[in-house]
PDB file of N, CA and C in Angstrom:
ATOM      1  N   MET A   1     -33.098  35.163 -22.334  1.00  0.00           N
ATOM      2  CA  MET A   1     -32.297  34.244 -22.999  1.00  0.00           C
ATOM      3  C   MET A   1     -31.672  34.907 -24.010  1.00  0.00           C
ATOM      4  N   SER A   2     -30.298  34.627 -24.205  1.00  0.00           N
ATOM      5  CA  SER A   2     -29.609  35.258 -25.424  1.00  0.00           C
ATOM      6  C   SER A   2     -30.023  34.383 -26.721  1.00  0.00           C
ATOM      7  N   SER A   3     -29.843  35.140 -27.772  1.00  0.00           N
ATOM      8  CA  SER A   3     -30.048  34.731 -29.123  1.00  0.00           C
ATOM      9  C   SER A   3     -28.955  33.711 -29.457  1.00  0.00           C
ATOM     10  N   PRO A   4     -29.226  32.676 -30.250  1.00  0.00           N
ATOM     11  CA  PRO A   4     -28.100  31.699 -30.651  1.00  0.00           C
ATOM     12  C   PRO A   4     -26.829  32.452 -31.310  1.00  0.00           C
ATOM     13  N   SER A   5     -27.031  33.414 -31.857  1.00  0.00           N
ATOM     14  CA  SER A   5     -25.819  34.047 -32.466  1.00  0.00           C
ATOM     15  C   SER A   5     -24.934  34.872 -31.430  1.00  0.00           C
ATOM     16  N   ASN A   6     -25.412  35.064 -30.126  1.00  0.00           N
ATOM     17  CA  ASN A   6     -24.742  35.717 -29.111  1.00  0.00           C
ATOM     18  C   ASN A   6     -24.200  34.731 -28.022  1.00  0.00           C
ATOM     19  N   THR A   7     -24.276  33.436 -28.149  1.00  0.00           N
ATOM     20  CA  THR A   7     -23.844  32.714 -27.103  1.00  0.00           C
ATOM     21  C   THR A   7     -22.237  32.648 -27.015  1.00  0.00           C
ATOM     22  N   PRO A   8     -21.664  32.300 -25.957  1.00  0.00           N
ATOM     23  CA  PRO A   8     -20.252  32.264 -25.763  1.00  0.00           C
ATOM     24  C   PRO A   8     -19.581  31.382 -26.838  1.00  0.00           C
ATOM     25  N   VAL A   9     -20.147  30.293 -27.196  1.00  0.00           N
ATOM     26  CA  VAL A   9     -19.557  29.363 -27.965  1.00  0.00           C
ATOM     27  C   VAL A   9     -19.615  29.861 -29.474  1.00  0.00           C
ATOM     28  N   SER A  10     -20.770  30.564 -29.869  1.00  0.00           N
ATOM     29  CA  SER A  10     -20.822  30.941 -31.205  1.00  0.00           C
ATOM     30  C   SER A  10     -19.861  32.227 -31.407  1.00  0.00           C
ATOM     31  N   SER A  11     -19.838  33.107 -30.361  1.00  0.00           N
ATOM     32  CA  SER A  11     -18.894  34.372 -30.468  1.00  0.00           C
ATOM     33  C   SER A  11     -17.370  33.862 -30.492  1.00  0.00           C
ATOM     34  N   THR A  12     -17.117  32.778 -29.730  1.00  0.00           N
ATOM     35  CA  THR A  12     -15.709  32.406 -29.845  1.00  0.00           C
ATOM     36  C   THR A  12     -15.481  31.726 -31.166  1.00  0.00           C
ATOM     37  N   ALA A  13     -16.387  30.986 -31.780  1.00  0.00           N
ATOM     38  CA  ALA A  13     -16.147  30.409 -33.076  1.00  0.00           C
ATOM     39  C   ALA A  13     -16.036  31.440 -34.156  1.00  0.00           C
ATOM     40  N   ALA A  14     -16.951  32.481 -34.013  1.00  0.00           N
ATOM     41  CA  ALA A  14     -16.791  33.587 -34.930  1.00  0.00           C
ATOM     42  C   ALA A  14     -15.459  34.282 -34.862  1.00  0.00           C
ATOM     43  N   SER A  15     -14.998  34.419 -33.638  1.00  0.00           N
ATOM     44  CA  SER A  15     -13.717  35.120 -33.438  1.00  0.00           C
ATOM     45  C   SER A  15     -12.588  34.290 -34.098  1.00  0.00           C
ATOM     46  N   ILE A  16     -12.605  33.009 -33.914  1.00  0.00           N
ATOM     47  CA  ILE A  16     -11.647  32.106 -34.471  1.00  0.00           C
ATOM     48  C   ILE A  16     -11.551  32.236 -36.061  1.00  0.00           C
ATOM     49  N   ASP A  17     -12.923  31.954 -36.495  1.00  0.00           N
ATOM     50  CA  ASP A  17     -13.183  32.023 -37.958  1.00  0.00           C
ATOM     51  C   ASP A  17     -12.595  33.376 -38.633  1.00  0.00           C
ATOM     52  N   SER A  18     -12.843  34.512 -38.000  1.00  0.00           N
ATOM     53  CA  SER A  18     -12.435  35.673 -38.562  1.00  0.00           C
ATOM     54  C   SER A  18     -10.914  35.887 -38.545  1.00  0.00           C
ATOM     55  N   LYS A  19     -10.231  35.281 -37.757  1.00  0.00           N
ATOM     56  CA  LYS A  19      -8.657  35.246 -37.787  1.00  0.00           C
ATOM     57  C   LYS A  19      -8.097  34.129 -38.512  1.00  0.00           C
ATOM     58  N   SER A  20      -8.779  33.111 -39.014  1.00  0.00           N
ATOM     59  CA  SER A  20      -8.142  32.080 -39.726  1.00  0.00           C
ATOM     60  C   SER A  20      -7.875  32.560 -41.211  1.00  0.00           C
ATOM     61  N   PRO A  21      -6.598  32.206 -41.603  1.00  0.00           N
ATOM     62  CA  PRO A  21      -6.242  32.645 -43.061  1.00  0.00           C
ATOM     63  C   PRO A  21      -6.903  31.672 -43.972  1.00  0.00           C
ATOM     64  N   ILE A  22      -7.299  30.523 -43.589  1.00  0.00           N
ATOM     65  CA  ILE A  22      -7.938  29.449 -44.474  1.00  0.00           C
ATOM     66  C   ILE A  22      -9.388  30.064 -44.648  1.00  0.00           C
ATOM     67  N   SER A  23     -10.173  30.463 -43.748  1.00  0.00           N
ATOM     68  CA  SER A  23     -11.381  30.848 -44.065  1.00  0.00           C
ATOM     69  C   SER A  23     -11.505  32.068 -44.849  1.00  0.00           C
ATOM     70  N   GLN A  24     -10.474  32.944 -44.768  1.00  0.00           N
ATOM     71  CA  GLN A  24     -10.464  34.207 -45.520  1.00  0.00           C
ATOM     72  C   GLN A  24     -10.198  33.984 -47.012  1.00  0.00           C
ATOM     73  N   ALA A  25      -9.185  33.009 -47.210  1.00  0.00           N
ATOM     74  CA  ALA A  25      -8.774  32.683 -48.594  1.00  0.00           C
ATOM     75  C   ALA A  25      -9.780  31.789 -49.209  1.00  0.00           C
ATOM     76  N   GLY A  26     -10.444  30.928 -48.484  1.00  0.00           N
ATOM     77  CA  GLY A  26     -11.380  29.941 -49.116  1.00  0.00           C
ATOM     78  C   GLY A  26     -10.637  28.753 -49.794  1.00  0.00           C
ATOM     79  N   GLU A  27      -9.329  28.733 -49.643  1.00  0.00           N
ATOM     80  CA  GLU A  27      -8.459  27.606 -50.326  1.00  0.00           C
ATOM     81  C   GLU A  27      -7.643  27.004 -49.137  1.00  0.00           C
ATOM     82  N   PRO A  28      -7.148  25.781 -49.422  1.00  0.00           N
ATOM     83  CA  PRO A  28      -6.218  25.051 -48.498  1.00  0.00           C
ATOM     84  C   PRO A  28      -4.906  26.149 -48.274  1.00  0.00           C
ATOM     85  N   TRP A  29      -4.522  26.087 -47.065  1.00  0.00           N
ATOM     86  CA  TRP A  29      -3.228  26.928 -46.791  1.00  0.00           C
ATOM     87  C   TRP A  29      -1.987  26.146 -47.317  1.00  0.00           C
ATOM     88  N   LEU A  30      -1.069  26.691 -47.949  1.00  0.00           N
ATOM     89  CA  LEU A  30       0.067  26.026 -48.479  1.00  0.00           C
ATOM     90  C   LEU A  30       1.233  26.962 -48.182  1.00  0.00           C
ATOM     91  N   PRO A  31       2.260  26.419 -47.569  1.00  0.00           N
ATOM     92  CA  PRO A  31       3.414  27.328 -47.311  1.00  0.00           C
ATOM     93  C   PRO A  31       4.023  27.881 -48.619  1.00  0.00           C
ATOM     94  N   GLU A  32       4.815  29.040 -48.365  1.00  0.00           N
ATOM     95  CA  GLU A  32       5.532  29.691 -49.403  1.00  0.00           C
ATOM     96  C   GLU A  32       6.748  28.824 -49.728  1.00  0.00           C
ATOM     97  N   PRO A  33       7.271  28.699 -50.942  1.00  0.00           N
ATOM     98  CA  PRO A  33       8.412  27.911 -51.216  1.00  0.00           C
ATOM     99  C   PRO A  33       9.582  28.085 -50.301  1.00  0.00           C
ATOM    100  N   GLU A  34       9.797  29.524 -49.891  1.00  0.00           N
ATOM    101  CA  GLU A  34      10.861  29.603 -49.083  1.00  0.00           C
ATOM    102  C   GLU A  34      10.800  29.079 -47.567  1.00  0.00           C
ATOM    103  N   GLU A  35       9.508  28.716 -47.234  1.00  0.00           N
ATOM    104  CA  GLU A  35       9.202  28.312 -45.927  1.00  0.00           C
ATOM    105  C   GLU A  35       9.341  26.624 -45.830  1.00  0.00           C
ATOM    106  N   LEU A  36       9.634  26.009 -47.078  1.00  0.00           N
ATOM    107  CA  LEU A  36       9.803  24.630 -47.211  1.00  0.00           C
ATOM    108  C   LEU A  36      11.227  24.199 -46.684  1.00  0.00           C
ATOM    109  N   PRO A  37      11.365  23.057 -46.115  1.00  0.00           N
ATOM    110  CA  PRO A  37      12.783  22.612 -45.830  1.00  0.00           C
ATOM    111  C   PRO A  37      13.476  22.360 -47.047  1.00  0.00           C
ATOM    112  N   ASN A  38      14.847  22.518 -46.956  1.00  0.00           N
ATOM    113  CA  ASN A  38      15.691  22.230 -48.211  1.00  0.00           C
ATOM    114  C   ASN A  38      16.094  20.781 -48.190  1.00  0.00           C
ATOM    115  N   THR A  39      15.916  20.081 -47.214  1.00  0.00           N
ATOM    116  CA  THR A  39      16.244  18.608 -47.086  1.00  0.00           C
ATOM    117  C   THR A  39      15.023  17.807 -46.832  1.00  0.00           C
ATOM    118  N   PRO A  40      15.096  16.573 -47.283  1.00  0.00           N
ATOM    119  CA  PRO A  40      13.964  15.632 -47.081  1.00  0.00           C
ATOM    120  C   PRO A  40      13.695  15.545 -45.478  1.00  0.00           C
ATOM    121  N   TRP A  41      12.409  15.050 -45.131  1.00  0.00           N
ATOM    122  CA  TRP A  41      12.100  14.882 -43.884  1.00  0.00           C
ATOM    123  C   TRP A  41      12.644  13.687 -43.189  1.00  0.00           C
ATOM    124  N   TYR A  42      13.196  12.675 -44.098  1.00  0.00           N
ATOM    125  CA  TYR A  42      13.733  11.548 -43.643  1.00  0.00           C
ATOM    126  C   TYR A  42      15.298  11.564 -43.654  1.00  0.00           C
ATOM    127  N   GLU A  43      16.046  10.660 -43.089  1.00  0.00           N
ATOM    128  CA  GLU A  43      17.460  10.699 -43.028  1.00  0.00           C
ATOM    129  C   GLU A  43      17.848   9.415 -43.933  1.00  0.00           C
ATOM    130  N   GLU A  44      18.528   9.698 -44.932  1.00  0.00           N
ATOM    131  CA  GLU A  44      18.923   8.619 -45.713  1.00  0.00           C
ATOM    132  C   GLU A  44      20.248   7.881 -45.192  1.00  0.00           C
ATOM    133  N   LYS A  45      20.239   6.618 -44.841  1.00  0.00           N
ATOM    134  CA  LYS A  45      21.180   5.842 -44.301  1.00  0.00           C
ATOM    135  C   LYS A  45      21.604   4.720 -45.004  1.00  0.00           C
ATOM    136  N   ALA A  46      22.758   4.307 -45.046  1.00  0.00           N
ATOM    137  CA  ALA A  46      23.208   3.025 -45.633  1.00  0.00           C
ATOM    138  C   ALA A  46      22.917   1.881 -44.528  1.00  0.00           C
ATOM    139  N   SER A  47      22.671   0.650 -45.254  1.00  0.00           N
ATOM    140  CA  SER A  47      22.243  -0.405 -44.351  1.00  0.00           C
ATOM    141  C   SER A  47      23.390  -0.798 -43.578  1.00  0.00           C
ATOM    142  N   THR A  48      23.253  -1.211 -42.488  1.00  0.00           N
ATOM    143  CA  THR A  48      24.282  -1.789 -41.535  1.00  0.00           C
ATOM    144  C   THR A  48      24.534  -3.324 -41.579  1.00  0.00           C
ATOM    145  N   LEU A  49      23.518  -3.918 -42.292  1.00  0.00           N
ATOM    146  CA  LEU A  49      23.602  -5.390 -42.469  1.00  0.00           C
ATOM    147  C   LEU A  49      24.841  -5.732 -43.291  1.00  0.00           C
ATOM    148  N   ARG A  50      25.169  -7.034 -43.208  1.00  0.00           N
ATOM    149  CA  ARG A  50      26.312  -7.556 -43.917  1.00  0.00           C
ATOM    150  C   ARG A  50      25.829  -8.892 -44.769  1.00  0.00           C
ATOM    151  N   ILE A  51      26.640  -9.250 -45.749  1.00  0.00           N
ATOM    152  CA  ILE A  51      26.309 -10.461 -46.392  1.00  0.00           C
ATOM    153  C   ILE A  51      26.194 -11.655 -45.400  1.00  0.00           C
ATOM    154  N   SER A  52      26.982 -11.625 -44.454  1.00  0.00           N
ATOM    155  CA  SER A  52      26.977 -12.802 -43.465  1.00  0.00           C
ATOM    156  C   SER A  52      25.682 -12.801 -42.614  1.00  0.00           C
ATOM    157  N   ASP A  53      24.897 -11.735 -42.724  1.00  0.00           N
ATOM    158  CA  ASP A  53      23.536 -11.659 -41.945  1.00  0.00           C
ATOM    159  C   ASP A  53      22.416 -12.360 -42.773  1.00  0.00           C
ATOM    160  N   ILE A  54      22.710 -12.604 -44.045  1.00  0.00           N
ATOM    161  CA  ILE A  54      21.617 -13.241 -44.855  1.00  0.00           C
ATOM    162  C   ILE A  54      21.159 -14.585 -44.262  1.00  0.00           C
ATOM    163  N   PRO A  55      21.917 -15.612 -43.911  1.00  0.00           N
ATOM    164  CA  PRO A  55      21.429 -16.771 -43.349  1.00  0.00           C
ATOM    165  C   PRO A  55      20.524 -16.529 -42.066  1.00  0.00           C
ATOM    166  N   ILE A  56      20.904 -15.565 -41.155  1.00  0.00           N
ATOM    167  CA  ILE A  56      20.128 -15.322 -40.070  1.00  0.00           C
ATOM    168  C   ILE A  56      18.712 -14.706 -40.474  1.00  0.00           C
ATOM    169  N   ILE A  57      18.740 -13.766 -41.533  1.00  0.00           N
ATOM    170  CA  ILE A  57      17.623 -13.133 -41.899  1.00  0.00           C
ATOM    171  C   ILE A  57      16.619 -14.232 -42.609  1.00  0.00           C
ATOM    172  N   LYS A  58      17.179 -15.129 -43.255  1.00  0.00           N
ATOM    173  CA  LYS A  58      16.329 -16.312 -43.876  1.00  0.00           C
ATOM    174  C   LYS A  58      15.774 -17.227 -42.846  1.00  0.00           C
ATOM    175  N   GLU A  59      16.538 -17.434 -41.708  1.00  0.00           N
ATOM    176  CA  GLU A  59      15.968 -18.294 -40.657  1.00  0.00           C
ATOM    177  C   GLU A  59      14.784 -17.436 -39.980  1.00  0.00           C
ATOM    178  N   LYS A  60      15.210 -16.289 -39.576  1.00  0.00           N
ATOM    179  CA  LYS A  60      14.180 -15.495 -38.741  1.00  0.00           C
ATOM    180  C   LYS A  60      12.933 -15.226 -39.601  1.00  0.00           C
ATOM    181  N   GLY A  61      13.150 -14.908 -40.874  1.00  0.00           N
ATOM    182  CA  GLY A  61      11.917 -14.697 -41.798  1.00  0.00           C
ATOM    183  C   GLY A  61      11.251 -15.926 -42.314  1.00  0.00           C
ATOM    184  N   GLY A  62      11.789 -17.202 -41.957  1.00  0.00           N
ATOM    185  CA  GLY A  62      11.228 -18.391 -42.331  1.00  0.00           C
ATOM    186  C   GLY A  62      11.027 -18.514 -43.923  1.00  0.00           C
ATOM    187  N   THR A  63      12.025 -17.997 -44.625  1.00  0.00           N
ATOM    188  CA  THR A  63      11.923 -18.045 -46.007  1.00  0.00           C
ATOM    189  C   THR A  63      12.136 -19.453 -46.713  1.00  0.00           C
ATOM    190  N   MET A  64      12.648 -20.335 -46.014  1.00  0.00           N
ATOM    191  CA  MET A  64      12.722 -21.771 -46.364  1.00  0.00           C
ATOM    192  C   MET A  64      13.422 -21.862 -47.709  1.00  0.00           C
ATOM    193  N   GLY A  65      14.235 -20.990 -48.050  1.00  0.00           N
ATOM    194  CA  GLY A  65      15.152 -21.088 -49.272  1.00  0.00           C
ATOM    195  C   GLY A  65      14.215 -20.629 -50.529  1.00  0.00           C
ATOM    196  N   ARG A  66      13.025 -20.226 -50.320  1.00  0.00           N
ATOM    197  CA  ARG A  66      12.136 -19.862 -51.548  1.00  0.00           C
ATOM    198  C   ARG A  66      12.234 -18.504 -51.892  1.00  0.00           C
ATOM    199  N   PHE A  67      12.956 -17.642 -51.265  1.00  0.00           N
ATOM    200  CA  PHE A  67      13.092 -16.201 -51.650  1.00  0.00           C
ATOM    201  C   PHE A  67      14.658 -15.834 -51.614  1.00  0.00           C
ATOM    202  N   GLU A  68      14.940 -14.873 -52.533  1.00  0.00           N
ATOM    203  CA  GLU A  68      16.296 -14.409 -52.568  1.00  0.00           C
ATOM    204  C   GLU A  68      16.437 -13.136 -51.582  1.00  0.00           C
ATOM    205  N   VAL A  69      17.441 -13.233 -50.714  1.00  0.00           N
ATOM    206  CA  VAL A  69      17.430 -11.999 -49.870  1.00  0.00           C
ATOM    207  C   VAL A  69      18.798 -11.355 -50.206  1.00  0.00           C
ATOM    208  N   VAL A  70      18.658 -10.108 -50.430  1.00  0.00           N
ATOM    209  CA  VAL A  70      19.896  -9.258 -50.725  1.00  0.00           C
ATOM    210  C   VAL A  70      19.979  -8.147 -49.882  1.00  0.00           C
ATOM    211  N   ILE A  71      21.205  -7.705 -49.624  1.00  0.00           N
ATOM    212  CA  ILE A  71      21.516  -6.564 -48.740  1.00  0.00           C
ATOM    213  C   ILE A  71      21.805  -5.347 -49.529  1.00  0.00           C
ATOM    214  N   PRO A  72      21.173  -4.290 -49.353  1.00  0.00           N
ATOM    215  CA  PRO A  72      21.601  -2.995 -50.218  1.00  0.00           C
ATOM    216  C   PRO A  72      22.977  -2.775 -50.100  1.00  0.00           C
ATOM    217  N   HIS A  73      23.575  -2.397 -51.204  1.00  0.00           N
ATOM    218  CA  HIS A  73      24.935  -1.848 -51.325  1.00  0.00           C
ATOM    219  C   HIS A  73      25.033  -0.504 -50.709  1.00  0.00           C
ATOM    220  N   PRO A  74      26.195  -0.046 -50.288  1.00  0.00           N
ATOM    221  CA  PRO A  74      26.286   1.201 -49.420  1.00  0.00           C
ATOM    222  C   PRO A  74      25.689   2.400 -50.206  1.00  0.00           C
ATOM    223  N   ASP A  75      25.662   2.395 -51.535  1.00  0.00           N
ATOM    224  CA  ASP A  75      25.025   3.491 -52.309  1.00  0.00           C
ATOM    225  C   ASP A  75      23.421   3.346 -52.522  1.00  0.00           C
ATOM    226  N   GLU A  76      22.899   2.247 -52.237  1.00  0.00           N
ATOM    227  CA  GLU A  76      21.523   1.979 -52.369  1.00  0.00           C
ATOM    228  C   GLU A  76      20.740   2.219 -51.172  1.00  0.00           C
ATOM    229  N   ARG A  77      19.446   2.494 -51.283  1.00  0.00           N
ATOM    230  CA  ARG A  77      18.517   2.869 -50.170  1.00  0.00           C
ATOM    231  C   ARG A  77      17.363   1.873 -50.301  1.00  0.00           C
ATOM    232  N   ALA A  78      16.881   1.666 -49.100  1.00  0.00           N
ATOM    233  CA  ALA A  78      15.701   0.762 -48.866  1.00  0.00           C
ATOM    234  C   ALA A  78      14.463   1.288 -49.664  1.00  0.00           C
ATOM    235  N   HIS A  79      14.302   2.590 -49.576  1.00  0.00           N
ATOM    236  CA  HIS A  79      13.042   3.097 -50.338  1.00  0.00           C
ATOM    237  C   HIS A  79      13.185   3.078 -51.859  1.00  0.00           C
ATOM    238  N   ARG A  80      14.165   2.542 -52.445  1.00  0.00           N
ATOM    239  CA  ARG A  80      14.429   2.392 -53.757  1.00  0.00           C
ATOM    240  C   ARG A  80      14.956   1.018 -54.052  1.00  0.00           C
ATOM    241  N   PRO A  81      14.123  -0.107 -53.807  1.00  0.00           N
ATOM    242  CA  PRO A  81      14.687  -1.448 -54.049  1.00  0.00           C
ATOM    243  C   PRO A  81      14.920  -1.725 -55.574  1.00  0.00           C
ATOM    244  N   PRO A  82      15.700  -2.622 -55.841  1.00  0.00           N
ATOM    245  CA  PRO A  82      15.942  -2.963 -57.277  1.00  0.00           C
ATOM    246  C   PRO A  82      14.745  -3.539 -57.924  1.00  0.00           C
ATOM    247  N   PRO A  83      14.516  -3.455 -59.209  1.00  0.00           N
ATOM    248  CA  PRO A  83      13.336  -3.917 -59.958  1.00  0.00           C
ATOM    249  C   PRO A  83      13.035  -5.451 -59.498  1.00  0.00           C
ATOM    250  N   GLY A  84      11.871  -5.816 -59.179  1.00  0.00           N
ATOM    251  CA  GLY A  84      11.462  -7.044 -58.770  1.00  0.00           C
ATOM    252  C   GLY A  84      11.651  -7.521 -57.368  1.00  0.00           C
ATOM    253  N   PHE A  85      12.203  -6.523 -56.589  1.00  0.00           N
ATOM    254  CA  PHE A  85      12.295  -6.694 -55.071  1.00  0.00           C
ATOM    255  C   PHE A  85      11.480  -5.996 -54.332  1.00  0.00           C
ATOM    256  N   HIS A  86      11.355  -6.262 -53.186  1.00  0.00           N
ATOM    257  CA  HIS A  86      10.622  -5.488 -52.081  1.00  0.00           C
ATOM    258  C   HIS A  86      11.447  -5.295 -50.886  1.00  0.00           C
ATOM    259  N   THR A  87      11.209  -4.187 -50.252  1.00  0.00           N
ATOM    260  CA  THR A  87      12.049  -4.015 -49.014  1.00  0.00           C
ATOM    261  C   THR A  87      11.393  -4.337 -47.763  1.00  0.00           C
ATOM    262  N   PHE A  88      12.003  -4.942 -46.980  1.00  0.00           N
ATOM    263  CA  PHE A  88      11.535  -5.213 -45.567  1.00  0.00           C
ATOM    264  C   PHE A  88      12.596  -4.908 -44.619  1.00  0.00           C
ATOM    265  N   TYR A  89      12.237  -4.503 -43.411  1.00  0.00           N
ATOM    266  CA  TYR A  89      13.156  -4.128 -42.421  1.00  0.00           C
ATOM    267  C   TYR A  89      13.367  -5.224 -41.393  1.00  0.00           C
ATOM    268  N   MET A  90      14.506  -5.299 -40.739  1.00  0.00           N
ATOM    269  CA  MET A  90      14.790  -6.204 -39.785  1.00  0.00           C
ATOM    270  C   MET A  90      13.868  -6.147 -38.668  1.00  0.00           C
ATOM    271  N   ASN A  91      13.416  -4.965 -38.221  1.00  0.00           N
ATOM    272  CA  ASN A  91      12.534  -4.858 -36.976  1.00  0.00           C
ATOM    273  C   ASN A  91      11.209  -5.383 -37.430  1.00  0.00           C
ATOM    274  N   GLN A  92      10.778  -5.405 -38.709  1.00  0.00           N
ATOM    275  CA  GLN A  92       9.593  -6.099 -39.151  1.00  0.00           C
ATOM    276  C   GLN A  92       9.759  -7.596 -38.857  1.00  0.00           C
ATOM    277  N   ILE A  93      10.883  -8.213 -39.338  1.00  0.00           N
ATOM    278  CA  ILE A  93      11.027  -9.532 -39.143  1.00  0.00           C
ATOM    279  C   ILE A  93      11.263  -9.937 -37.642  1.00  0.00           C
ATOM    280  N   GLU A  94      11.867  -9.197 -36.864  1.00  0.00           N
ATOM    281  CA  GLU A  94      11.900  -9.386 -35.382  1.00  0.00           C
ATOM    282  C   GLU A  94      10.645  -9.321 -34.795  1.00  0.00           C
ATOM    283  N   MET A  95       9.643  -8.606 -35.336  1.00  0.00           N
ATOM    284  CA  MET A  95       8.329  -8.335 -34.653  1.00  0.00           C
ATOM    285  C   MET A  95       7.411  -9.425 -35.177  1.00  0.00           C
ATOM    286  N   GLY A  96       7.841 -10.439 -36.027  1.00  0.00           N
ATOM    287  CA  GLY A  96       7.077 -11.487 -36.441  1.00  0.00           C
ATOM    288  C   GLY A  96       6.657 -11.706 -37.913  1.00  0.00           C
ATOM    289  N   LEU A  97       7.114 -10.880 -38.836  1.00  0.00           N
ATOM    290  CA  LEU A  97       6.874 -10.861 -40.177  1.00  0.00           C
ATOM    291  C   LEU A  97       7.574 -12.165 -40.664  1.00  0.00           C
ATOM    292  N   ARG A  98       6.695 -13.012 -41.387  1.00  0.00           N
ATOM    293  CA  ARG A  98       7.359 -14.343 -41.946  1.00  0.00           C
ATOM    294  C   ARG A  98       6.908 -14.458 -43.452  1.00  0.00           C
ATOM    295  N   PHE A  99       7.746 -15.154 -44.141  1.00  0.00           N
ATOM    296  CA  PHE A  99       7.500 -15.463 -45.512  1.00  0.00           C
ATOM    297  C   PHE A  99       7.360 -16.897 -45.736  1.00  0.00           C
ATOM    298  N   PRO A 100       6.579 -17.246 -46.701  1.00  0.00           N
ATOM    299  CA  PRO A 100       5.763 -16.412 -47.555  1.00  0.00           C
ATOM    300  C   PRO A 100       4.742 -15.770 -46.503  1.00  0.00           C
ATOM    301  N   ILE A 101       4.177 -14.610 -46.796  1.00  0.00           N
ATOM    302  CA  ILE A 101       3.049 -13.852 -45.966  1.00  0.00           C
ATOM    303  C   ILE A 101       1.870 -14.873 -46.122  1.00  0.00           C
ATOM    304  N   PRO A 102       1.363 -15.241 -44.931  1.00  0.00           N
ATOM    305  CA  PRO A 102       0.258 -16.126 -45.010  1.00  0.00           C
ATOM    306  C   PRO A 102      -0.997 -15.426 -45.627  1.00  0.00           C
ATOM    307  N   ARG A 103      -1.779 -16.210 -46.511  1.00  0.00           N
ATOM    308  CA  ARG A 103      -2.904 -15.597 -47.086  1.00  0.00           C
ATOM    309  C   ARG A 103      -4.130 -16.027 -46.013  1.00  0.00           C
ATOM    310  N   SER A 104      -4.996 -14.997 -45.946  1.00  0.00           N
ATOM    311  CA  SER A 104      -6.158 -15.275 -45.138  1.00  0.00           C
ATOM    312  C   SER A 104      -7.112 -16.181 -45.947  1.00  0.00           C
ATOM    313  N   SER A 105      -7.847 -16.898 -45.304  1.00  0.00           N
ATOM    314  CA  SER A 105      -8.761 -17.905 -45.880  1.00  0.00           C
ATOM    315  C   SER A 105      -9.857 -17.154 -46.599  1.00  0.00           C
ATOM    316  N   PRO A 106     -10.380 -17.562 -47.750  1.00  0.00           N
ATOM    317  CA  PRO A 106     -11.417 -16.796 -48.359  1.00  0.00           C
ATOM    318  C   PRO A 106     -12.628 -16.663 -47.596  1.00  0.00           C
ATOM    319  N   PRO A 107     -13.449 -15.620 -47.763  1.00  0.00           N
ATOM    320  CA  PRO A 107     -14.595 -15.479 -46.945  1.00  0.00           C
ATOM    321  C   PRO A 107     -15.689 -16.621 -47.151  1.00  0.00           C
ATOM    322  N   SER A 108     -16.255 -16.949 -46.076  1.00  0.00           N
ATOM    323  CA  SER A 108     -17.276 -18.085 -46.185  1.00  0.00           C
ATOM    324  C   SER A 108     -18.609 -17.323 -46.655  1.00  0.00           C
ATOM    325  N   ALA A 109     -19.345 -18.055 -47.325  1.00  0.00           N
ATOM    326  CA  ALA A 109     -20.739 -17.743 -47.816  1.00  0.00           C
ATOM    327  C   ALA A 109     -21.792 -18.615 -47.233  1.00  0.00           C
ATOM    328  N   VAL A 110     -22.799 -18.015 -46.735  1.00  0.00           N
ATOM    329  CA  VAL A 110     -24.028 -18.777 -46.352  1.00  0.00           C
ATOM    330  C   VAL A 110     -25.033 -18.510 -47.350  1.00  0.00           C
ATOM    331  N   ILE A 111     -25.459 -19.501 -47.933  1.00  0.00           N
ATOM    332  CA  ILE A 111     -26.576 -19.451 -49.049  1.00  0.00           C
ATOM    333  C   ILE A 111     -27.806 -20.014 -48.569  1.00  0.00           C
ATOM    334  N   SER A 112     -28.783 -19.328 -48.633  1.00  0.00           N
ATOM    335  CA  SER A 112     -30.058 -19.903 -48.233  1.00  0.00           C
ATOM    336  C   SER A 112     -31.224 -19.528 -49.194  1.00  0.00           C
ATOM    337  N   ASN A 113     -32.327 -20.382 -49.310  1.00  0.00           N
ATOM    338  CA  ASN A 113     -33.158 -19.998 -50.158  1.00  0.00           C
ATOM    339  C   ASN A 113     -34.523 -19.631 -49.503  1.00  0.00           C
TER     340      ASN A 113
END
């Protein structure tokens, strides 16, 4: 019977570990600055919604007139909403997001002595 250090699994693991730059450095691997992309990973797009879409958004979202709905201007982006506002996307509303967002009932407690 072979010793535990000579099994196929341990020899393969040792081979992988010896070739890993992470295990040699002992620190997390970080790319060099020249390896990083020059552009963000996301694409910034202007909203395609119009002011005329606001009544439809209010109806679909069930806001019942309790919330102000604004459409971003062409130079504004959803990931940077104006102060006091939150961003929601139409696909979220189409998938069932409603306002106000329902609160879950508080947890029940069973008390015994």
